[in-house]
N, C-alpha and C. Protein backbone atom coordinates (compact mmCIF):
# COMPACT_ATOMS: atom_id res chain seq x y z
N MET A 1 16.98 -65.96 -150.71
CA MET A 1 17.10 -67.29 -150.53
C MET A 1 15.47 -68.10 -150.77
N GLY A 2 14.77 -66.90 -149.66
CA GLY A 2 12.96 -67.20 -150.00
C GLY A 2 12.67 -68.64 -151.39
N GLY A 3 12.87 -67.83 -152.61
CA GLY A 3 12.77 -68.86 -153.51
C GLY A 3 12.89 -70.39 -153.07
N LYS A 4 14.52 -70.25 -153.04
CA LYS A 4 15.21 -71.21 -152.57
C LYS A 4 14.16 -72.78 -151.72
N LEU A 5 14.38 -71.46 -150.79
CA LEU A 5 13.38 -72.75 -149.49
C LEU A 5 11.67 -73.45 -150.07
N GLU A 6 11.51 -72.24 -151.00
CA GLU A 6 10.01 -72.77 -150.98
C GLU A 6 9.79 -73.76 -152.14
N ALA A 7 11.10 -73.57 -153.04
CA ALA A 7 10.80 -74.95 -154.34
C ALA A 7 11.17 -76.12 -153.68
N ARG A 8 11.72 -76.08 -152.25
CA ARG A 8 12.33 -77.87 -151.23
C ARG A 8 11.12 -77.75 -150.51
N LEU A 9 10.07 -77.21 -150.07
CA LEU A 9 10.06 -77.29 -149.02
C LEU A 9 9.19 -79.14 -149.21
N LYS A 10 8.53 -79.79 -149.82
CA LYS A 10 8.60 -80.93 -150.44
C LYS A 10 9.80 -82.64 -149.64
N GLU A 11 11.10 -81.12 -149.83
CA GLU A 11 11.58 -82.00 -149.41
C GLU A 11 12.39 -82.11 -147.76
N LEU A 12 11.84 -80.91 -147.19
CA LEU A 12 11.66 -81.91 -145.37
C LEU A 12 10.10 -82.88 -145.54
N PRO A 13 11.66 -82.89 -144.15
CA PRO A 13 10.34 -83.83 -143.15
C PRO A 13 9.05 -83.84 -143.09
N GLU A 14 7.99 -84.52 -142.48
CA GLU A 14 6.40 -83.78 -141.94
C GLU A 14 6.85 -82.51 -140.97
N LYS A 15 5.74 -81.52 -141.07
CA LYS A 15 5.19 -80.77 -140.88
C LYS A 15 5.24 -80.72 -139.26
N ASN A 16 5.09 -82.00 -138.35
CA ASN A 16 4.84 -81.41 -137.48
C ASN A 16 6.33 -81.58 -136.37
N ARG A 17 7.04 -82.17 -137.39
CA ARG A 17 8.29 -82.57 -136.74
C ARG A 17 9.43 -80.97 -136.17
N ALA A 18 9.75 -81.04 -134.96
CA ALA A 18 10.95 -79.91 -134.68
C ALA A 18 12.07 -79.73 -136.28
N THR A 19 11.81 -78.19 -136.25
CA THR A 19 12.57 -78.32 -137.41
C THR A 19 13.59 -76.91 -137.08
N VAL A 20 14.78 -77.21 -137.20
CA VAL A 20 15.74 -75.96 -136.27
C VAL A 20 16.36 -75.14 -137.58
N VAL A 21 16.55 -73.95 -137.45
CA VAL A 21 16.80 -72.80 -138.27
C VAL A 21 18.69 -72.12 -138.37
N TYR A 22 19.07 -71.83 -138.49
CA TYR A 22 20.61 -70.82 -137.76
C TYR A 22 20.93 -70.86 -138.91
N CYS A 23 21.42 -69.60 -138.51
CA CYS A 23 22.84 -68.59 -140.05
C CYS A 23 23.60 -67.81 -139.43
N ARG A 24 23.77 -66.84 -140.22
CA ARG A 24 25.29 -66.26 -139.55
C ARG A 24 25.17 -65.19 -138.64
N SER A 25 24.07 -64.54 -139.69
CA SER A 25 23.97 -63.22 -139.00
C SER A 25 22.41 -62.47 -138.46
N GLY A 26 21.79 -64.30 -138.95
CA GLY A 26 20.47 -63.94 -138.14
C GLY A 26 18.94 -63.75 -138.97
N GLY A 27 19.43 -63.21 -140.06
CA GLY A 27 18.75 -62.59 -140.72
C GLY A 27 17.44 -63.49 -141.94
N ARG A 28 18.87 -64.21 -142.78
CA ARG A 28 18.50 -65.60 -142.89
C ARG A 28 17.50 -66.82 -142.24
N SER A 29 17.55 -66.65 -141.22
CA SER A 29 17.06 -68.01 -140.32
C SER A 29 15.28 -67.50 -140.19
N ALA A 30 15.02 -65.53 -139.69
CA ALA A 30 14.08 -65.53 -139.15
C ALA A 30 13.65 -65.30 -140.89
N ALA A 31 13.55 -65.06 -141.54
CA ALA A 31 12.78 -65.58 -143.28
C ALA A 31 12.36 -66.70 -143.40
N ALA A 32 13.31 -67.69 -143.60
CA ALA A 32 13.39 -68.86 -143.16
C ALA A 32 12.52 -69.29 -142.15
N THR A 33 12.14 -69.10 -140.62
CA THR A 33 11.00 -69.21 -140.15
C THR A 33 9.89 -69.03 -140.90
N ALA A 34 10.11 -67.39 -141.10
CA ALA A 34 8.19 -66.80 -141.35
C ALA A 34 8.12 -68.09 -142.33
N ILE A 35 8.80 -68.34 -143.17
CA ILE A 35 8.16 -69.09 -144.85
C ILE A 35 7.90 -70.74 -143.83
N LEU A 36 8.40 -71.03 -143.10
CA LEU A 36 8.31 -72.03 -142.77
C LEU A 36 6.72 -72.15 -142.04
N LEU A 37 6.70 -71.82 -140.85
CA LEU A 37 5.42 -70.63 -140.47
C LEU A 37 4.04 -70.84 -140.91
N ARG A 38 4.42 -70.17 -142.05
CA ARG A 38 3.36 -70.12 -143.98
C ARG A 38 3.32 -71.15 -144.30
N ALA A 39 4.00 -72.15 -144.17
CA ALA A 39 4.18 -73.03 -145.17
C ALA A 39 3.07 -74.26 -143.78
N GLY A 40 3.15 -74.30 -142.74
CA GLY A 40 2.09 -74.47 -141.83
C GLY A 40 2.85 -75.52 -141.19
N PHE A 41 3.66 -75.63 -140.78
CA PHE A 41 5.60 -76.48 -139.85
C PHE A 41 4.81 -75.61 -138.89
N THR A 42 5.35 -76.86 -137.66
CA THR A 42 4.63 -76.28 -135.92
C THR A 42 5.15 -76.08 -134.84
N GLN A 43 6.28 -76.14 -135.66
CA GLN A 43 7.69 -76.78 -134.33
C GLN A 43 9.31 -76.19 -134.88
N VAL A 44 8.78 -74.92 -134.89
CA VAL A 44 10.06 -74.37 -135.87
C VAL A 44 10.99 -73.49 -134.96
N TYR A 45 12.28 -73.68 -134.80
CA TYR A 45 12.74 -73.29 -133.75
C TYR A 45 14.07 -72.33 -134.37
N ASP A 46 14.08 -70.96 -134.43
CA ASP A 46 14.91 -70.01 -135.59
C ASP A 46 16.01 -69.71 -133.63
N LEU A 47 17.42 -70.79 -134.25
CA LEU A 47 18.21 -70.41 -132.83
C LEU A 47 19.69 -69.06 -132.96
N GLY A 48 19.12 -68.32 -134.77
CA GLY A 48 19.71 -66.93 -134.64
C GLY A 48 20.76 -66.81 -134.85
N ALA A 49 21.72 -66.27 -135.43
CA ALA A 49 22.76 -65.63 -135.89
C ALA A 49 24.32 -66.68 -135.18
N MET A 50 24.42 -67.78 -135.73
CA MET A 50 25.89 -68.53 -134.85
C MET A 50 26.96 -67.36 -134.45
N SER A 51 26.62 -66.02 -135.19
CA SER A 51 28.02 -64.89 -134.48
C SER A 51 27.21 -65.02 -132.35
N ASN A 52 26.59 -64.79 -131.78
CA ASN A 52 25.66 -65.26 -130.95
C ASN A 52 26.14 -66.92 -129.96
N TRP A 53 26.61 -67.75 -130.67
CA TRP A 53 27.08 -68.34 -129.78
C TRP A 53 27.83 -68.32 -128.89
């Protein structure tokens, strides 16, 4: 998963806009949050697992 996200970071809007991530179980959204923060995104919100909604 990480390789795909990292390869497509340039397609995302500017780094200071709010970015929301979520997934079915919470693991991939946590990984995506870490990747985005390392890439300089400043407003990353991890909603975690959809099963918790």
